C-alpha cells in the first residue's frame, strides 16, 4: 500500500515527524572520517551503587573522567578508538596522527 502511494517504508521514516531519513554513504574509503570525543565518568574501585546498593558505598572522591577519542571511516565503517585522561589539543592532534597511521595500515587513505 505504501509503494502504491509512492511513500517510503515505515522503517525509513522518522517516527515523530514522518519525514524520510536520508542516509548517506561515501563511495570511497577515506573520503570522510567522523571524529568524536566521548566523556565518560570513572567508576570507583569495587563498583558503584548498582553493585552495593545506594547508601552502602561512600561517595567517591571525584574519580574523574576518561575521554574516548573515536574515528570512524564513513564508507568502510572501520573504527579506531583510544582512551585518554583529557581532551586537550595535543592529545587530539596526536590521536588524529595515530588514527591516520591505523587507517593507512588497513589500506585507507584519509
PDB file of N, CA and C in Angstrom:
ATOM      1  N   UNK A   1       0.823  -1.187   0.000  1.00  0.00           N
ATOM      2  CA  UNK A   1       0.000   0.000   0.000  1.00  0.00           C
ATOM      3  C   UNK A   1       0.871   1.258   0.000  1.00  0.00           C
ATOM      4  N   UNK A   2       1.945   1.264   0.800  1.00  0.00           N
ATOM      5  CA  UNK A   2       2.838   2.423   0.812  1.00  0.00           C
ATOM      6  C   UNK A   2       3.458   2.646  -0.559  1.00  0.00           C
ATOM      7  N   UNK A   3       3.893   1.559  -1.207  1.00  0.00           N
ATOM      8  CA  UNK A   3       4.508   1.665  -2.527  1.00  0.00           C
ATOM      9  C   UNK A   3       3.512   2.233  -3.544  1.00  0.00           C
ATOM     10  N   UNK A   4       2.284   1.826  -3.452  1.00  0.00           N
ATOM     11  CA  UNK A   4       1.249   2.291  -4.373  1.00  0.00           C
ATOM     12  C   UNK A   4       1.094   3.815  -4.320  1.00  0.00           C
ATOM     13  N   UNK A   5       1.249   4.404  -3.113  1.00  0.00           N
ATOM     14  CA  UNK A   5       1.112   5.854  -2.952  1.00  0.00           C
ATOM     15  C   UNK A   5       2.442   6.593  -3.023  1.00  0.00           C
ATOM     16  N   UNK A   6       3.516   5.864  -3.380  1.00  0.00           N
ATOM     17  CA  UNK A   6       4.817   6.499  -3.545  1.00  0.00           C
ATOM     18  C   UNK A   6       5.465   6.907  -2.240  1.00  0.00           C
ATOM     19  N   UNK A   7       5.132   6.233  -1.149  1.00  0.00           N
ATOM     20  CA  UNK A   7       5.690   6.559   0.154  1.00  0.00           C
ATOM     21  C   UNK A   7       6.836   5.609   0.504  1.00  0.00           C
ATOM     22  N   UNK A   8       7.682   6.037   1.428  1.00  0.00           N
ATOM     23  CA  UNK A   8       8.809   5.222   1.866  1.00  0.00           C
ATOM     24  C   UNK A   8       8.341   4.152   2.842  1.00  0.00           C
ATOM     25  N   UNK A   9       9.194   3.154   3.045  1.00  0.00           N
ATOM     26  CA  UNK A   9       8.900   2.133   4.043  1.00  0.00           C
ATOM     27  C   UNK A   9       8.860   2.781   5.418  1.00  0.00           C
ATOM     28  N   UNK A  10       8.082   2.216   6.316  1.00  0.00           N
ATOM     29  CA  UNK A  10       7.937   2.795   7.649  1.00  0.00           C
ATOM     30  C   UNK A  10       9.257   2.830   8.411  1.00  0.00           C
ATOM     31  N   UNK A  11      10.141   1.835   8.194  1.00  0.00           N
ATOM     32  CA  UNK A  11      11.420   1.846   8.916  1.00  0.00           C
ATOM     33  C   UNK A  11      12.389   2.872   8.341  1.00  0.00           C
ATOM     34  N   UNK A  12      12.032   3.542   7.230  1.00  0.00           N
ATOM     35  CA  UNK A  12      12.858   4.610   6.676  1.00  0.00           C
ATOM     36  C   UNK A  12      12.364   5.995   7.093  1.00  0.00           C
ATOM     37  N   UNK A  13      11.355   6.040   7.948  1.00  0.00           N
ATOM     38  CA  UNK A  13      10.774   7.306   8.370  1.00  0.00           C
ATOM     39  C   UNK A  13      11.172   7.654   9.796  1.00  0.00           C
ATOM     40  N   UNK A  14      11.305   8.958  10.050  1.00  0.00           N
ATOM     41  CA  UNK A  14      11.481   9.453  11.402  1.00  0.00           C
ATOM     42  C   UNK A  14      10.102   9.436  12.048  1.00  0.00           C
ATOM     43  N   UNK A  15       9.916   8.638  13.077  1.00  0.00           N
ATOM     44  CA  UNK A  15       8.572   8.435  13.633  1.00  0.00           C
ATOM     45  C   UNK A  15       7.888   9.720  14.115  1.00  0.00           C
ATOM     46  N   UNK A  16       8.571  10.609  14.867  1.00  0.00           N
ATOM     47  CA  UNK A  16       7.855  11.805  15.336  1.00  0.00           C
ATOM     48  C   UNK A  16       7.411  12.744  14.212  1.00  0.00           C
ATOM     49  N   UNK A  17       8.275  12.921  13.187  1.00  0.00           N
ATOM     50  CA  UNK A  17       7.946  13.901  12.144  1.00  0.00           C
ATOM     51  C   UNK A  17       7.334  13.281  10.907  1.00  0.00           C
ATOM     52  N   UNK A  18       7.566  11.978  10.666  1.00  0.00           N
ATOM     53  CA  UNK A  18       7.061  11.330   9.461  1.00  0.00           C
ATOM     54  C   UNK A  18       7.898  11.609   8.234  1.00  0.00           C
ATOM     55  N   UNK A  19       9.037  12.269   8.397  1.00  0.00           N
ATOM     56  CA  UNK A  19       9.908  12.586   7.263  1.00  0.00           C
ATOM     57  C   UNK A  19      10.822  11.403   6.948  1.00  0.00           C
ATOM     58  N   UNK A  20      11.191  11.298   5.664  1.00  0.00           N
ATOM     59  CA  UNK A  20      12.093  10.243   5.229  1.00  0.00           C
ATOM     60  C   UNK A  20      13.499  10.551   5.738  1.00  0.00           C
ATOM     61  N   UNK A  21      14.148   9.541   6.316  1.00  0.00           N
ATOM     62  CA  UNK A  21      15.523   9.694   6.792  1.00  0.00           C
ATOM     63  C   UNK A  21      16.454   9.483   5.613  1.00  0.00           C
ATOM     64  N   UNK A  22      17.246  10.471   5.295  1.00  0.00           N
ATOM     65  CA  UNK A  22      18.193  10.386   4.185  1.00  0.00           C
ATOM     66  C   UNK A  22      19.565  10.010   4.737  1.00  0.00           C
ATOM     67  N   UNK A  23      19.945   8.772   4.552  1.00  0.00           N
ATOM     68  CA  UNK A  23      21.263   8.322   4.994  1.00  0.00           C
ATOM     69  C   UNK A  23      22.218   8.452   3.815  1.00  0.00           C
ATOM     70  N   UNK A  24      23.455   8.763   4.104  1.00  0.00           N
ATOM     71  CA  UNK A  24      24.434   8.894   3.038  1.00  0.00           C
ATOM     72  C   UNK A  24      25.605   7.959   3.324  1.00  0.00           C
ATOM     73  N   UNK A  25      26.334   7.679   2.281  1.00  0.00           N
ATOM     74  CA  UNK A  25      27.491   6.810   2.383  1.00  0.00           C
ATOM     75  C   UNK A  25      28.484   7.261   1.325  1.00  0.00           C
ATOM     76  N   UNK A  26      29.689   7.546   1.730  1.00  0.00           N
ATOM     77  CA  UNK A  26      30.717   7.952   0.774  1.00  0.00           C
ATOM     78  C   UNK A  26      31.101   6.763  -0.091  1.00  0.00           C
ATOM     79  N   UNK A  27      31.458   7.038  -1.350  1.00  0.00           N
ATOM     80  CA  UNK A  27      31.743   5.961  -2.290  1.00  0.00           C
ATOM     81  C   UNK A  27      33.156   5.428  -2.170  1.00  0.00           C
ATOM     82  N   UNK A  28      34.065   6.216  -1.597  1.00  0.00           N
ATOM     83  CA  UNK A  28      35.471   5.815  -1.499  1.00  0.00           C
ATOM     84  C   UNK A  28      35.882   5.813  -0.031  1.00  0.00           C
ATOM     85  N   UNK A  29      36.558   4.742   0.381  1.00  0.00           N
ATOM     86  CA  UNK A  29      37.054   4.673   1.760  1.00  0.00           C
ATOM     87  C   UNK A  29      38.062   5.781   1.994  1.00  0.00           C
ATOM     88  N   UNK A  30      37.961   6.461   3.120  1.00  0.00           N
ATOM     89  CA  UNK A  30      38.874   7.543   3.470  1.00  0.00           C
ATOM     90  C   UNK A  30      38.417   8.911   3.026  1.00  0.00           C
ATOM     91  N   UNK A  31      37.344   8.982   2.261  1.00  0.00           N
ATOM     92  CA  UNK A  31      36.850  10.279   1.787  1.00  0.00           C
ATOM     93  C   UNK A  31      36.339  11.138   2.938  1.00  0.00           C
ATOM     94  N   UNK A  32      35.726  10.488   3.952  1.00  0.00           N
ATOM     95  CA  UNK A  32      35.213  11.212   5.108  1.00  0.00           C
ATOM     96  C   UNK A  32      35.389  10.362   6.354  1.00  0.00           C
ATOM     97  N   UNK A  33      35.983  10.936   7.383  1.00  0.00           N
ATOM     98  CA  UNK A  33      36.135  10.244   8.667  1.00  0.00           C
ATOM     99  C   UNK A  33      35.423  11.067   9.732  1.00  0.00           C
ATOM    100  N   UNK A  34      34.564  10.426  10.489  1.00  0.00           N
ATOM    101  CA  UNK A  34      33.862  11.087  11.587  1.00  0.00           C
ATOM    102  C   UNK A  34      34.750  10.974  12.827  1.00  0.00           C
ATOM    103  N   UNK A  35      34.960  12.091  13.502  1.00  0.00           N
ATOM    104  CA  UNK A  35      35.806  12.107  14.694  1.00  0.00           C
ATOM    105  C   UNK A  35      35.007  12.699  15.842  1.00  0.00           C
ATOM    106  N   UNK A  36      35.090  12.054  17.012  1.00  0.00           N
ATOM    107  CA  UNK A  36      34.317  12.490  18.162  1.00  0.00           C
ATOM    108  C   UNK A  36      35.078  12.158  19.436  1.00  0.00           C
ATOM    109  N   UNK A  37      34.775  12.897  20.497  1.00  0.00           N
ATOM    110  CA  UNK A  37      35.329  12.620  21.825  1.00  0.00           C
ATOM    111  C   UNK A  37      34.151  12.425  22.772  1.00  0.00           C
ATOM    112  N   UNK A  38      34.128  11.295  23.460  1.00  0.00           N
ATOM    113  CA  UNK A  38      33.046  10.969  24.395  1.00  0.00           C
ATOM    114  C   UNK A  38      33.594  11.001  25.815  1.00  0.00           C
ATOM    115  N   UNK A  39      32.972  11.778  26.683  1.00  0.00           N
ATOM    116  CA  UNK A  39      33.399  11.924  28.078  1.00  0.00           C
ATOM    117  C   UNK A  39      32.644  10.921  28.944  1.00  0.00           C
ATOM    118  N   UNK A  40      33.369  10.037  29.625  1.00  0.00           N
ATOM    119  CA  UNK A  40      32.760   9.009  30.469  1.00  0.00           C
ATOM    120  C   UNK A  40      33.265   9.140  31.894  1.00  0.00           C
ATOM    121  N   UNK A  41      32.362   9.136  32.850  1.00  0.00           N
ATOM    122  CA  UNK A  41      32.746   9.177  34.261  1.00  0.00           C
ATOM    123  C   UNK A  41      33.363   7.862  34.705  1.00  0.00           C
ATOM    124  N   UNK A  42      34.417   7.950  35.505  1.00  0.00           N
ATOM    125  CA  UNK A  42      35.060   6.737  36.008  1.00  0.00           C
ATOM    126  C   UNK A  42      34.262   6.184  37.178  1.00  0.00           C
ATOM    127  N   UNK A  43      34.300   4.871  37.338  1.00  0.00           N
ATOM    128  CA  UNK A  43      33.619   4.203  38.439  1.00  0.00           C
ATOM    129  C   UNK A  43      34.659   3.852  39.490  1.00  0.00           C
ATOM    130  N   UNK A  44      34.320   4.095  40.748  1.00  0.00           N
ATOM    131  CA  UNK A  44      35.276   3.845  41.824  1.00  0.00           C
ATOM    132  C   UNK A  44      35.611   2.358  41.930  1.00  0.00           C
ATOM    133  N   UNK A  45      36.787   2.015  42.441  1.00  0.00           N
ATOM    134  CA  UNK A  45      37.163   0.611  42.596  1.00  0.00           C
ATOM    135  C   UNK A  45      36.146  -0.125  43.465  1.00  0.00           C
ATOM    136  N   UNK A  46      35.798  -1.338  43.086  1.00  0.00           N
ATOM    137  CA  UNK A  46      34.841  -2.128  43.841  1.00  0.00           C
ATOM    138  C   UNK A  46      33.414  -1.977  43.363  1.00  0.00           C
ATOM    139  N   UNK A  47      33.178  -1.060  42.440  1.00  0.00           N
ATOM    140  CA  UNK A  47      31.840  -0.893  41.890  1.00  0.00           C
ATOM    141  C   UNK A  47      31.097   0.279  42.490  1.00  0.00           C
ATOM    142  N   UNK A  48      29.915   0.498  41.960  1.00  0.00           N
ATOM    143  CA  UNK A  48      29.103   1.639  42.381  1.00  0.00           C
ATOM    144  C   UNK A  48      27.850   1.155  43.100  1.00  0.00           C
ATOM    145  N   UNK A  49      26.863   2.048  43.239  1.00  0.00           N
ATOM    146  CA  UNK A  49      25.626   1.714  43.938  1.00  0.00           C
ATOM    147  C   UNK A  49      24.836   0.610  43.235  1.00  0.00           C
ATOM    148  N   UNK A  50      25.086   0.397  41.946  1.00  0.00           N
ATOM    149  CA  UNK A  50      24.379  -0.676  41.234  1.00  0.00           C
ATOM    150  C   UNK A  50      24.810  -2.046  41.756  1.00  0.00           C
ATOM    151  N   UNK A  51      26.009  -2.134  42.271  1.00  0.00           N
ATOM    152  CA  UNK A  51      26.520  -3.393  42.824  1.00  0.00           C
ATOM    153  C   UNK A  51      26.176  -3.497  44.307  1.00  0.00           C
ATOM    154  N   UNK A  52      26.449  -2.434  45.064  1.00  0.00           N
ATOM    155  CA  UNK A  52      26.371  -2.474  46.525  1.00  0.00           C
ATOM    156  C   UNK A  52      25.080  -1.885  47.093  1.00  0.00           C
ATOM    157  N   UNK A  53      24.288  -1.197  46.275  1.00  0.00           N
ATOM    158  CA  UNK A  53      23.083  -0.552  46.769  1.00  0.00           C
ATOM    159  C   UNK A  53      23.363   0.888  47.189  1.00  0.00           C
ATOM    160  N   UNK A  54      22.364   1.717  47.114  1.00  0.00           N
ATOM    161  CA  UNK A  54      22.540   3.139  47.467  1.00  0.00           C
ATOM    162  C   UNK A  54      22.783   3.279  48.966  1.00  0.00           C
ATOM    163  N   UNK A  55      23.700   4.161  49.325  1.00  0.00           N
ATOM    164  CA  UNK A  55      23.996   4.428  50.729  1.00  0.00           C
ATOM    165  C   UNK A  55      24.960   3.433  51.349  1.00  0.00           C
ATOM    166  N   UNK A  56      25.299   2.368  50.628  1.00  0.00           N
ATOM    167  CA  UNK A  56      26.202   1.358  51.173  1.00  0.00           C
ATOM    168  C   UNK A  56      27.667   1.693  50.897  1.00  0.00           C
ATOM    169  N   UNK A  57      27.912   2.409  49.825  1.00  0.00           N
ATOM    170  CA  UNK A  57      29.277   2.754  49.432  1.00  0.00           C
ATOM    171  C   UNK A  57      29.459   4.248  49.650  1.00  0.00           C
ATOM    172  N   UNK A  58      30.540   4.659  50.320  1.00  0.00           N
ATOM    173  CA  UNK A  58      30.763   6.104  50.498  1.00  0.00           C
ATOM    174  C   UNK A  58      30.935   6.779  49.146  1.00  0.00           C
ATOM    175  N   UNK A  59      30.552   8.062  49.104  1.00  0.00           N
ATOM    176  CA  UNK A  59      30.696   8.813  47.863  1.00  0.00           C
ATOM    177  C   UNK A  59      32.139   8.793  47.408  1.00  0.00           C
ATOM    178  N   UNK A  60      32.295   8.746  46.094  1.00  0.00           N
ATOM    179  CA  UNK A  60      33.643   8.750  45.540  1.00  0.00           C
ATOM    180  C   UNK A  60      34.283  10.112  45.768  1.00  0.00           C
ATOM    181  N   UNK A  61      35.572  10.129  45.767  1.00  0.00           N
ATOM    182  CA  UNK A  61      36.315  11.379  45.930  1.00  0.00           C
ATOM    183  C   UNK A  61      36.710  11.887  44.554  1.00  0.00           C
ATOM    184  N   UNK A  62      35.691  12.214  43.764  1.00  0.00           N
ATOM    185  CA  UNK A  62      35.906  12.737  42.409  1.00  0.00           C
ATOM    186  C   UNK A  62      36.865  11.863  41.621  1.00  0.00           C
ATOM    187  N   UNK A  63      36.356  10.772  41.155  1.00  0.00           N
ATOM    188  CA  UNK A  63      37.160   9.814  40.409  1.00  0.00           C
ATOM    189  C   UNK A  63      37.674  10.394  39.095  1.00  0.00           C
ATOM    190  N   UNK A  64      36.948  11.301  38.494  1.00  0.00           N
ATOM    191  CA  UNK A  64      37.390  11.912  37.245  1.00  0.00           C
ATOM    192  C   UNK A  64      36.697  11.307  36.039  1.00  0.00           C
ATOM    193  N   UNK A  65      37.273  11.568  34.884  1.00  0.00           N
ATOM    194  CA  UNK A  65      36.677  11.147  33.628  1.00  0.00           C
ATOM    195  C   UNK A  65      37.713  10.490  32.732  1.00  0.00           C
ATOM    196  N   UNK A  66      37.239   9.643  31.850  1.00  0.00           N
ATOM    197  CA  UNK A  66      38.018   9.138  30.729  1.00  0.00           C
ATOM    198  C   UNK A  66      37.404   9.733  29.479  1.00  0.00           C
ATOM    199  N   UNK A  67      38.224  10.011  28.491  1.00  0.00           N
ATOM    200  CA  UNK A  67      37.754  10.577  27.234  1.00  0.00           C
ATOM    201  C   UNK A  67      38.067   9.595  26.120  1.00  0.00           C
ATOM    202  N   UNK A  68      37.015   9.078  25.469  1.00  0.00           N
ATOM    203  CA  UNK A  68      37.209   8.170  24.351  1.00  0.00           C
ATOM    204  C   UNK A  68      37.279   8.983  23.071  1.00  0.00           C
ATOM    205  N   UNK A  69      38.426   8.933  22.421  1.00  0.00           N
ATOM    206  CA  UNK A  69      38.626   9.594  21.136  1.00  0.00           C
ATOM    207  C   UNK A  69      38.311   8.561  20.057  1.00  0.00           C
ATOM    208  N   UNK A  70      37.352   8.861  19.182  1.00  0.00           N
ATOM    209  CA  UNK A  70      36.876   7.888  18.190  1.00  0.00           C
ATOM    210  C   UNK A  70      36.975   8.469  16.787  1.00  0.00           C
ATOM    211  N   UNK A  71      37.373   7.628  15.847  1.00  0.00           N
ATOM    212  CA  UNK A  71      37.368   7.982  14.422  1.00  0.00           C
ATOM    213  C   UNK A  71      36.715   6.824  13.674  1.00  0.00           C
ATOM    214  N   UNK A  72      35.764   7.134  12.783  1.00  0.00           N
ATOM    215  CA  UNK A  72      35.064   6.111  12.005  1.00  0.00           C
ATOM    216  C   UNK A  72      35.072   6.533  10.543  1.00  0.00           C
ATOM    217  N   UNK A  73      35.568   5.636   9.668  1.00  0.00           N
ATOM    218  CA  UNK A  73      35.537   5.887   8.232  1.00  0.00           C
ATOM    219  C   UNK A  73      34.096   5.730   7.747  1.00  0.00           C
ATOM    220  N   UNK A  74      33.612   6.698   6.967  1.00  0.00           N
ATOM    221  CA  UNK A  74      32.212   6.716   6.553  1.00  0.00           C
ATOM    222  C   UNK A  74      31.872   5.582   5.599  1.00  0.00           C
ATOM    223  N   UNK A  75      32.785   5.206   4.732  1.00  0.00           N
ATOM    224  CA  UNK A  75      32.486   4.168   3.737  1.00  0.00           C
ATOM    225  C   UNK A  75      32.610   2.758   4.318  1.00  0.00           C
ATOM    226  N   UNK A  76      33.753   2.461   4.918  1.00  0.00           N
ATOM    227  CA  UNK A  76      34.003   1.097   5.395  1.00  0.00           C
ATOM    228  C   UNK A  76      33.494   0.864   6.816  1.00  0.00           C
ATOM    229  N   UNK A  77      33.209   1.936   7.553  1.00  0.00           N
ATOM    230  CA  UNK A  77      32.793   1.878   8.961  1.00  0.00           C
ATOM    231  C   UNK A  77      33.892   1.300   9.857  1.00  0.00           C
ATOM    232  N   UNK A  78      35.136   1.336   9.365  1.00  0.00           N
ATOM    233  CA  UNK A  78      36.286   0.913  10.162  1.00  0.00           C
ATOM    234  C   UNK A  78      36.509   1.957  11.251  1.00  0.00           C
ATOM    235  N   UNK A  79      36.584   1.514  12.506  1.00  0.00           N
ATOM    236  CA  UNK A  79      36.678   2.439  13.637  1.00  0.00           C
ATOM    237  C   UNK A  79      38.023   2.311  14.339  1.00  0.00           C
ATOM    238  N   UNK A  80      38.496   3.434  14.877  1.00  0.00           N
ATOM    239  CA  UNK A  80      39.710   3.486  15.677  1.00  0.00           C
ATOM    240  C   UNK A  80      39.376   4.278  16.942  1.00  0.00           C
ATOM    241  N   UNK A  81      39.679   3.716  18.127  1.00  0.00           N
ATOM    242  CA  UNK A  81      39.306   4.350  19.398  1.00  0.00           C
ATOM    243  C   UNK A  81      40.485   4.291  20.363  1.00  0.00           C
ATOM    244  N   UNK A  82      40.684   5.374  21.110  1.00  0.00           N
ATOM    245  CA  UNK A  82      41.685   5.438  22.173  1.00  0.00           C
ATOM    246  C   UNK A  82      41.047   6.092  23.400  1.00  0.00           C
ATOM    247  N   UNK A  83      41.488   5.691  24.585  1.00  0.00           N
ATOM    248  CA  UNK A  83      41.026   6.314  25.833  1.00  0.00           C
ATOM    249  C   UNK A  83      42.148   7.191  26.382  1.00  0.00           C
ATOM    250  N   UNK A  84      41.798   8.423  26.774  1.00  0.00           N
ATOM    251  CA  UNK A  84      42.767   9.371  27.331  1.00  0.00           C
ATOM    252  C   UNK A  84      42.206  10.006  28.596  1.00  0.00           C
ATOM    253  N   UNK A  85      43.073  10.634  29.371  1.00  0.00           N
ATOM    254  CA  UNK A  85      42.675  11.304  30.617  1.00  0.00           C
ATOM    255  C   UNK A  85      42.138  12.716  30.377  1.00  0.00           C
ATOM    256  N   UNK A  86      42.381  13.297  29.206  1.00  0.00           N
ATOM    257  CA  UNK A  86      41.872  14.641  28.923  1.00  0.00           C
ATOM    258  C   UNK A  86      41.573  14.763  27.436  1.00  0.00           C
ATOM    259  N   UNK A  87      41.043  15.925  27.060  1.00  0.00           N
ATOM    260  CA  UNK A  87      40.715  16.170  25.653  1.00  0.00           C
ATOM    261  C   UNK A  87      41.412  17.443  25.167  1.00  0.00           C
ATOM    262  N   UNK A  88      42.641  17.625  25.604  1.00  0.00           N
ATOM    263  CA  UNK A  88      43.415  18.803  25.201  1.00  0.00           C
ATOM    264  C   UNK A  88      43.861  18.677  23.746  1.00  0.00           C
ATOM    265  N   UNK A  89      44.215  19.820  23.163  1.00  0.00           N
ATOM    266  CA  UNK A  89      44.568  19.869  21.741  1.00  0.00           C
ATOM    267  C   UNK A  89      45.730  18.944  21.398  1.00  0.00           C
ATOM    268  N   UNK A  90      46.718  18.832  22.281  1.00  0.00           N
ATOM    269  CA  UNK A  90      47.869  17.978  21.975  1.00  0.00           C
ATOM    270  C   UNK A  90      47.436  16.512  21.879  1.00  0.00           C
ATOM    271  N   UNK A  91      46.586  16.063  22.805  1.00  0.00           N
ATOM    272  CA  UNK A  91      46.089  14.685  22.736  1.00  0.00           C
ATOM    273  C   UNK A  91      45.261  14.456  21.483  1.00  0.00           C
ATOM    274  N   UNK A  92      44.420  15.421  21.145  1.00  0.00           N
ATOM    275  CA  UNK A  92      43.567  15.271  19.961  1.00  0.00           C
ATOM    276  C   UNK A  92      44.395  15.202  18.678  1.00  0.00           C
ATOM    277  N   UNK A  93      45.403  16.054  18.561  1.00  0.00           N
ATOM    278  CA  UNK A  93      46.217  16.040  17.345  1.00  0.00           C
ATOM    279  C   UNK A  93      47.050  14.764  17.256  1.00  0.00           C
ATOM    280  N   UNK A  94      47.576  14.296  18.377  1.00  0.00           N
ATOM    281  CA  UNK A  94      48.319  13.027  18.370  1.00  0.00           C
ATOM    282  C   UNK A  94      47.398  11.860  18.051  1.00  0.00           C
ATOM    283  N   UNK A  95      46.177  11.894  18.569  1.00  0.00           N
ATOM    284  CA  UNK A  95      45.199  10.857  18.254  1.00  0.00           C
ATOM    285  C   UNK A  95      44.940  10.824  16.752  1.00  0.00           C
ATOM    286  N   UNK A  96      44.752  11.988  16.150  1.00  0.00           N
ATOM    287  CA  UNK A  96      44.486  12.052  14.716  1.00  0.00           C
ATOM    288  C   UNK A  96      45.657  11.486  13.920  1.00  0.00           C
ATOM    289  N   UNK A  97      46.861  11.784  14.343  1.00  0.00           N
ATOM    290  CA  UNK A  97      48.056  11.263  13.669  1.00  0.00           C
ATOM    291  C   UNK A  97      48.084   9.723  13.749  1.00  0.00           C
ATOM    292  N   UNK A  98      47.798   9.177  14.943  1.00  0.00           N
ATOM    293  CA  UNK A  98      47.805   7.720  15.097  1.00  0.00           C
ATOM    294  C   UNK A  98      46.637   7.077  14.339  1.00  0.00           C
ATOM    295  N   UNK A  99      45.495   7.765  14.295  1.00  0.00           N
ATOM    296  CA  UNK A  99      44.345   7.242  13.552  1.00  0.00           C
ATOM    297  C   UNK A  99      44.671   7.163  12.058  1.00  0.00           C
ATOM    298  N   UNK A 100      45.310   8.195  11.516  1.00  0.00           N
ATOM    299  CA  UNK A 100      45.694   8.169  10.100  1.00  0.00           C
ATOM    300  C   UNK A 100      46.660   7.022   9.826  1.00  0.00           C
ATOM    301  N   UNK A 101      47.594   6.783  10.740  1.00  0.00           N
ATOM    302  CA  UNK A 101      48.532   5.673  10.591  1.00  0.00           C
ATOM    303  C   UNK A 101      47.783   4.330  10.616  1.00  0.00           C
ATOM    304  N   UNK A 102      46.808   4.208  11.535  1.00  0.00           N
ATOM    305  CA  UNK A 102      45.994   2.995  11.634  1.00  0.00           C
ATOM    306  C   UNK A 102      45.243   2.740  10.329  1.00  0.00           C
ATOM    307  N   UNK A 103      44.611   3.784   9.786  1.00  0.00           N
ATOM    308  CA  UNK A 103      43.861   3.622   8.552  1.00  0.00           C
ATOM    309  C   UNK A 103      44.791   3.293   7.396  1.00  0.00           C
ATOM    310  N   UNK A 104      45.968   3.911   7.350  1.00  0.00           N
ATOM    311  CA  UNK A 104      46.933   3.631   6.277  1.00  0.00           C
ATOM    312  C   UNK A 104      47.369   2.160   6.344  1.00  0.00           C
ATOM    313  N   UNK A 105      47.544   1.622   7.557  1.00  0.00           N
ATOM    314  CA  UNK A 105      47.910   0.207   7.707  1.00  0.00           C
ATOM    315  C   UNK A 105      46.814  -0.720   7.184  1.00  0.00           C
ATOM    316  N   UNK A 106      45.575  -0.225   7.140  1.00  0.00           N
ATOM    317  CA  UNK A 106      44.439  -1.012   6.638  1.00  0.00           C
ATOM    318  C   UNK A 106      44.061  -0.627   5.206  1.00  0.00           C
ATOM    319  N   UNK A 107      44.937   0.128   4.535  1.00  0.00           N
ATOM    320  CA  UNK A 107      44.708   0.480   3.130  1.00  0.00           C
ATOM    321  C   UNK A 107      43.729   1.591   2.891  1.00  0.00           C
ATOM    322  N   UNK A 108      43.455   2.404   3.918  1.00  0.00           N
ATOM    323  CA  UNK A 108      42.508   3.525   3.783  1.00  0.00           C
ATOM    324  C   UNK A 108      43.291   4.821   3.921  1.00  0.00           C
ATOM    325  N   UNK A 109      43.295   5.638   2.854  1.00  0.00           N
ATOM    326  CA  UNK A 109      43.989   6.932   2.884  1.00  0.00           C
ATOM    327  C   UNK A 109      42.972   8.004   3.247  1.00  0.00           C
ATOM    328  N   UNK A 110      43.098   8.562   4.455  1.00  0.00           N
ATOM    329  CA  UNK A 110      42.166   9.587   4.931  1.00  0.00           C
ATOM    330  C   UNK A 110      42.671  10.943   4.484  1.00  0.00           C
TER     331      UNK A 110
END
